[in-house]
Amino acid sequence: MDETQELELASGAVRFRFSGHSDRGAVRRLNEDSFLAAVPVFVVADGMGGHAFGDRASQAAIGAFSAAFAVTTRATAQEVLETIHRANDAVLGVTSEPGAVSGTTLSGIAFVEIGPTDSHHWMAFNVGDSRIYSWDGRHLAQLSVDHSAVQELVELGQITRRQADTHPDRNIVTRALGADAVVDPDIWLLPARGRQTFLLCSDGLTKELSDDEIARIIVFHGAEQVRETDRLPLTLAERLVSAAVAAGGSDNVTVIIVESDLVGSGSMSSEDTVERDAMPGFLEETKPRG
């Protein structure tokens, strides 16, 4: 998929271009990843549990977001937070079936209104080890913090990031939807400003490609490649997924690319931050918790 959409704001407009693609990979029989790419919310879920339960868990989580924002292109931070909790309830509904053991990661961004004025932000949220990156035209920066056993070892200084890539516990996540009655997501806010690009992915991408390799593909995406089926140009999401599958494809791979261009007097500079008085109490933390 490759879509564009423009949203009118009180003091300008924002233009979105987004693409998404998913593949079961070269090894797995079933694709347990699910995703949603539709203004105002973009979400990736990587199901766990095996058999039919992992895919049902991720589909349940994405279904909660699809239902919540099916007929609107507007969102508030409160609505997104409530949907995260409904998604957790939906996954718990899957795991309550006899013999079912499943869960799912959840990583996403939402274009939200904050405060009583025309103030728009990207609200990022994460549970598990699917990732959110930003791209500024030169540098790829990981915004989310993995909720994983190896990330905790890295933070304790017991292993290096390179050792984490091959550690025997690298597939163990420490937070997931469906694991507990109450989910604890990392949530943070980024002022909407000018042109911004985000990459969301399941760990099937980052297991096969380093951040440098991902950045290199983004840089050279202008060198056009076409699909064999219809001879249309490949989207950046398709190129990244194809590269991960070609590099081994040991897991399901899902990628969403979101580009936004804010124009008009509502544009904010990179110096802008969220005023605490305008921020809802439940979002006073604007960076992910470790």
Protein backbone atom coordinates (compact mmCIF):
# COMPACT_ATOMS: atom_id res chain seq x y z
CA MET A 1 0.00 0.00 0.00
CA ASP A 2 1.11 3.56 -0.72
CA GLU A 3 -1.29 6.39 0.10
CA THR A 4 -1.39 10.16 0.49
CA GLN A 5 -3.88 12.22 2.49
CA GLU A 6 -4.25 15.86 3.53
CA LEU A 7 -5.83 16.97 6.79
CA GLU A 8 -7.06 20.53 7.22
CA LEU A 9 -6.15 22.22 10.51
CA ALA A 10 -7.38 25.47 12.02
CA SER A 11 -4.13 27.23 11.12
CA GLY A 12 -2.87 25.28 8.13
CA ALA A 13 -2.78 21.69 6.92
CA VAL A 14 -0.77 18.51 7.23
CA ARG A 15 -0.03 16.23 4.30
CA PHE A 16 0.61 12.56 4.99
CA ARG A 17 2.21 9.98 2.77
CA PHE A 18 2.44 6.46 4.14
CA SER A 19 3.15 2.92 3.02
CA GLY A 20 3.03 -0.43 4.77
CA HIS A 21 4.01 -3.98 3.94
CA SER A 22 4.20 -7.34 5.73
CA ASP A 23 5.66 -10.75 4.86
CA ARG A 24 5.76 -14.06 6.73
CA GLY A 25 9.47 -14.33 5.94
CA ALA A 26 11.50 -17.23 4.62
CA VAL A 27 11.10 -19.61 7.58
CA ARG A 28 7.77 -19.13 9.37
CA ARG A 29 4.67 -20.86 8.03
CA LEU A 30 2.30 -18.24 9.41
CA ASN A 31 2.45 -14.44 9.53
CA GLU A 32 1.66 -13.42 13.11
CA ASP A 33 2.28 -9.71 12.43
CA SER A 34 -0.57 -7.26 11.82
CA PHE A 35 -0.56 -3.54 11.07
CA LEU A 36 -2.78 -0.52 10.57
CA ALA A 37 -1.77 2.46 8.43
CA ALA A 38 -4.55 5.06 8.25
CA VAL A 39 -4.67 8.69 9.39
CA PRO A 40 -4.52 9.48 12.29
CA VAL A 41 -3.03 6.23 13.69
CA PHE A 42 -0.23 3.95 12.47
CA VAL A 43 0.40 0.74 14.42
CA VAL A 44 2.45 -2.47 14.18
CA ALA A 45 1.68 -5.57 16.28
CA ASP A 46 3.87 -8.70 16.43
CA GLY A 47 1.87 -11.62 17.80
CA MET A 48 3.36 -14.32 20.01
CA GLY A 49 2.12 -17.69 21.12
CA GLY A 50 2.40 -19.99 18.13
CA HIS A 51 -0.23 -22.01 16.29
CA ALA A 52 -3.21 -19.74 15.53
CA PHE A 53 -3.00 -17.65 18.68
CA GLY A 54 -0.16 -15.26 17.83
CA ASP A 55 -1.84 -13.99 14.69
CA ARG A 56 -5.19 -13.74 16.48
CA ALA A 57 -3.58 -11.70 19.26
CA SER A 58 -2.04 -9.18 16.86
CA GLN A 59 -5.25 -9.00 14.84
CA ALA A 60 -7.25 -8.35 18.01
CA ALA A 61 -4.97 -5.47 18.97
CA ILE A 62 -5.09 -3.89 15.51
CA GLY A 63 -8.85 -4.47 15.39
CA ALA A 64 -9.27 -2.30 18.50
CA PHE A 65 -7.53 0.59 16.74
CA SER A 66 -9.40 0.05 13.49
CA ALA A 67 -12.72 0.21 15.33
CA ALA A 68 -11.78 3.27 17.37
CA PHE A 69 -10.69 5.39 14.40
CA ALA A 70 -12.72 3.90 11.55
CA VAL A 71 -14.77 7.03 10.82
CA THR A 72 -12.47 9.84 11.93
CA THR A 73 -9.15 11.41 11.01
CA ARG A 74 -8.98 13.23 14.35
CA ALA A 75 -7.57 11.86 17.59
CA THR A 76 -6.76 13.01 21.10
CA ALA A 77 -4.09 11.57 23.36
CA GLN A 78 -6.78 10.36 25.74
CA GLU A 79 -8.55 8.46 22.95
CA VAL A 80 -5.32 6.77 21.90
CA LEU A 81 -4.49 5.78 25.48
CA GLU A 82 -7.97 4.36 25.99
CA THR A 83 -7.59 2.37 22.76
CA ILE A 84 -4.31 0.87 23.96
CA HIS A 85 -6.11 -0.45 27.03
CA ARG A 86 -9.02 -1.75 24.91
CA ALA A 87 -6.47 -3.51 22.71
CA ASN A 88 -5.02 -5.19 25.80
CA ASP A 89 -8.50 -6.32 26.82
CA ALA A 90 -9.08 -7.70 23.32
CA VAL A 91 -5.86 -9.74 23.46
CA LEU A 92 -6.78 -11.01 26.92
CA GLY A 93 -10.02 -12.20 25.35
CA VAL A 94 -8.00 -14.38 22.99
CA THR A 95 -5.81 -15.83 25.73
CA SER A 96 -8.80 -16.61 27.97
CA GLU A 97 -9.75 -19.48 25.66
CA PRO A 98 -8.80 -22.96 26.95
CA GLY A 99 -5.21 -23.83 26.07
CA ALA A 100 -4.47 -20.41 24.59
CA VAL A 101 -1.19 -18.72 25.46
CA SER A 102 -0.56 -15.59 23.40
CA GLY A 103 0.26 -11.93 23.43
CA THR A 104 1.47 -9.23 21.11
CA THR A 105 3.80 -6.28 20.94
CA LEU A 106 2.35 -2.90 20.01
CA SER A 107 4.25 0.06 18.58
CA GLY A 108 2.65 3.06 16.97
CA ILE A 109 2.33 6.77 16.39
CA ALA A 110 -0.79 8.91 16.30
CA PHE A 111 -1.33 12.48 15.10
CA VAL A 112 -3.12 14.04 18.07
CA GLU A 113 -4.49 17.33 19.32
CA ILE A 114 -3.10 18.46 22.68
CA GLY A 115 -4.68 21.15 24.81
CA PRO A 116 -7.47 23.61 24.03
CA THR A 117 -5.62 25.39 21.20
CA ASP A 118 -4.59 24.26 17.71
CA SER A 119 -1.59 22.30 19.03
CA HIS A 120 -0.76 19.05 17.24
CA HIS A 121 1.78 16.44 18.19
CA TRP A 122 2.89 12.97 17.26
CA MET A 123 2.06 10.66 20.16
CA ALA A 124 4.32 7.62 20.14
CA PHE A 125 3.57 4.49 22.16
CA ASN A 126 5.29 1.18 22.65
CA VAL A 127 4.83 -2.16 24.41
CA GLY A 128 7.36 -4.90 23.61
CA ASP A 129 10.25 -4.99 21.16
CA SER A 130 8.73 -3.72 17.93
CA ARG A 131 10.35 -0.38 17.18
CA ILE A 132 9.75 3.24 16.23
CA TYR A 133 12.44 5.21 14.41
CA SER A 134 12.68 8.77 13.15
CA TRP A 135 14.52 9.77 9.97
CA ASP A 136 15.74 13.35 9.41
CA GLY A 137 17.13 12.87 5.91
CA ARG A 138 20.56 11.84 7.16
CA HIS A 139 20.24 9.97 10.44
CA LEU A 140 18.08 7.08 11.62
CA ALA A 141 17.30 7.35 15.34
CA GLN A 142 15.52 4.74 17.44
CA LEU A 143 12.86 6.51 19.50
CA SER A 144 11.38 3.55 21.36
CA VAL A 145 13.09 1.48 24.03
CA ASP A 146 12.85 -2.30 23.62
CA HIS A 147 11.02 -4.06 26.43
CA SER A 148 13.22 -7.13 26.29
CA ALA A 149 15.49 -9.22 28.47
CA VAL A 150 18.57 -8.31 26.43
CA GLN A 151 17.79 -4.58 26.58
CA GLU A 152 17.76 -4.81 30.36
CA LEU A 153 21.15 -6.56 30.26
CA VAL A 154 22.50 -3.83 27.98
CA GLU A 155 21.27 -1.11 30.35
CA LEU A 156 22.91 -2.92 33.28
CA GLY A 157 26.18 -2.98 31.32
CA GLN A 158 26.34 -6.78 31.40
CA ILE A 159 26.38 -7.18 27.60
CA THR A 160 26.98 -4.91 24.62
CA ARG A 161 24.40 -4.07 21.97
CA ARG A 162 26.31 -6.25 19.51
CA GLN A 163 26.22 -9.19 21.94
CA ALA A 164 22.47 -8.62 22.39
CA ASP A 165 21.94 -9.47 18.71
CA THR A 166 23.06 -13.07 19.27
CA HIS A 167 22.18 -13.57 22.94
CA PRO A 168 20.10 -16.72 23.65
CA ASP A 169 17.45 -14.59 25.43
CA ARG A 170 17.05 -12.08 22.58
CA ASN A 171 13.48 -13.23 21.86
CA ILE A 172 12.22 -12.74 25.42
CA VAL A 173 10.06 -9.62 25.85
CA THR A 174 9.38 -8.11 29.26
CA ARG A 175 6.12 -6.33 28.36
CA ALA A 176 3.33 -7.36 25.99
CA LEU A 177 -0.36 -6.87 25.43
CA GLY A 178 -2.24 -9.82 26.89
CA ALA A 179 0.36 -10.50 29.59
CA ASP A 180 -1.44 -8.67 32.42
CA ALA A 181 -4.85 -7.21 33.18
CA VAL A 182 -3.37 -3.70 32.98
CA VAL A 183 -0.87 -2.78 30.27
CA ASP A 184 2.00 -0.35 30.92
CA PRO A 185 2.95 1.36 27.64
CA ASP A 186 5.76 3.82 27.10
CA ILE A 187 4.18 7.06 25.85
CA TRP A 188 5.80 10.26 24.69
CA LEU A 189 4.99 13.34 22.63
CA LEU A 190 6.81 14.94 19.70
CA PRO A 191 5.72 18.39 18.47
CA ALA A 192 4.42 18.27 14.90
CA ARG A 193 6.73 20.47 12.84
CA GLY A 194 7.71 20.88 9.22
CA ARG A 195 8.56 17.61 7.51
CA GLN A 196 8.93 14.48 9.61
CA THR A 197 9.46 10.82 8.75
CA PHE A 198 8.89 7.79 10.95
CA LEU A 199 9.58 4.08 10.50
CA LEU A 200 7.63 1.48 12.49
CA CYS A 201 8.63 -2.18 12.35
CA SER A 202 8.38 -5.59 13.94
CA ASP A 203 11.63 -7.18 15.08
CA GLY A 204 11.72 -9.29 11.92
CA LEU A 205 13.32 -6.26 10.26
CA THR A 206 15.91 -5.50 12.92
CA LYS A 207 16.90 -9.16 13.38
CA GLU A 208 18.15 -9.19 9.79
CA LEU A 209 19.26 -5.60 9.11
CA SER A 210 21.34 -3.26 11.24
CA ASP A 211 20.32 0.36 11.68
CA ASP A 212 23.09 1.35 9.25
CA GLU A 213 21.77 -1.09 6.64
CA ILE A 214 18.22 0.23 7.08
CA ALA A 215 19.47 3.81 6.69
CA ARG A 216 21.38 2.88 3.54
CA ILE A 217 18.23 1.45 1.95
CA ILE A 218 16.31 4.62 2.83
CA VAL A 219 19.02 6.83 1.30
CA PHE A 220 19.12 4.89 -1.96
CA HIS A 221 15.38 4.35 -2.27
CA GLY A 222 15.36 6.92 -5.09
CA ALA A 223 17.00 4.32 -7.32
CA GLU A 224 13.71 2.95 -8.56
CA GLN A 225 12.86 -0.75 -8.36
CA VAL A 226 9.62 -2.23 -9.64
CA ARG A 227 7.42 -5.14 -8.60
CA GLU A 228 7.57 -8.19 -10.80
CA THR A 229 3.77 -8.60 -10.67
CA ASP A 230 2.58 -5.21 -11.97
CA ARG A 231 5.81 -3.34 -12.83
CA LEU A 232 4.87 -0.50 -10.44
CA PRO A 233 7.58 1.07 -8.27
CA LEU A 234 8.29 -0.62 -4.95
CA THR A 235 7.43 1.42 -1.88
CA LEU A 236 10.12 1.99 0.72
CA ALA A 237 8.24 -0.32 3.09
CA GLU A 238 8.31 -3.07 0.46
CA ARG A 239 12.03 -2.59 -0.17
CA LEU A 240 12.87 -2.85 3.51
CA VAL A 241 10.74 -5.96 4.00
CA SER A 242 12.21 -7.58 0.88
CA ALA A 243 15.74 -6.83 2.07
CA ALA A 244 15.06 -8.44 5.46
CA VAL A 245 13.61 -11.56 3.81
CA ALA A 246 16.57 -11.76 1.43
CA ALA A 247 18.97 -11.45 4.38
CA GLY A 248 17.49 -14.55 6.01
CA GLY A 249 13.86 -13.82 6.81
CA SER A 250 13.99 -15.79 10.05
CA ASP A 251 10.84 -14.10 11.35
CA ASN A 252 7.75 -12.30 10.08
CA VAL A 253 8.61 -8.80 8.85
CA THR A 254 6.37 -5.72 8.91
CA VAL A 255 7.26 -2.10 8.11
CA ILE A 256 5.28 1.14 8.01
CA ILE A 257 6.76 4.38 6.68
CA VAL A 258 4.98 7.62 7.60
CA GLU A 259 5.90 11.03 6.19
CA SER A 260 4.14 14.20 7.34
CA ASP A 261 4.50 17.76 6.07
CA LEU A 262 2.97 20.45 8.28
CA VAL A 263 2.35 23.74 6.47
CA GLY A 264 0.86 27.05 7.56
CA SER A 265 1.07 29.07 10.76
CA GLY A 266 0.58 25.94 12.88
CA SER A 267 4.06 24.66 12.00
CA MET A 268 6.37 24.33 14.98
CA SER A 269 10.15 24.52 15.09
CA SER A 270 12.41 21.81 16.47
CA GLU A 271 12.90 24.01 19.56
CA ASP A 272 9.25 23.76 20.55
CA THR A 273 8.27 21.63 23.50
CA VAL A 274 5.01 20.75 25.14
CA GLU A 275 3.90 23.31 27.71
CA ARG A 276 3.26 21.44 30.97
CA ASP A 277 0.09 23.44 31.67
CA ALA A 278 -1.34 22.30 28.31
CA MET A 279 -0.36 18.68 28.73
CA PRO A 280 -2.82 16.14 30.10
CA GLY A 281 -1.69 14.79 33.46
CA PHE A 282 -1.42 11.23 32.16
CA LEU A 283 1.07 12.36 29.50
CA GLU A 284 3.43 14.49 31.57
CA GLU A 285 6.24 12.13 30.68
CA THR A 286 7.33 12.87 27.13
CA LYS A 287 9.98 10.22 26.61
CA PRO A 288 9.92 6.44 26.93
CA ARG A 289 10.59 4.93 30.30
CA GLY A 290 13.51 2.57 30.45
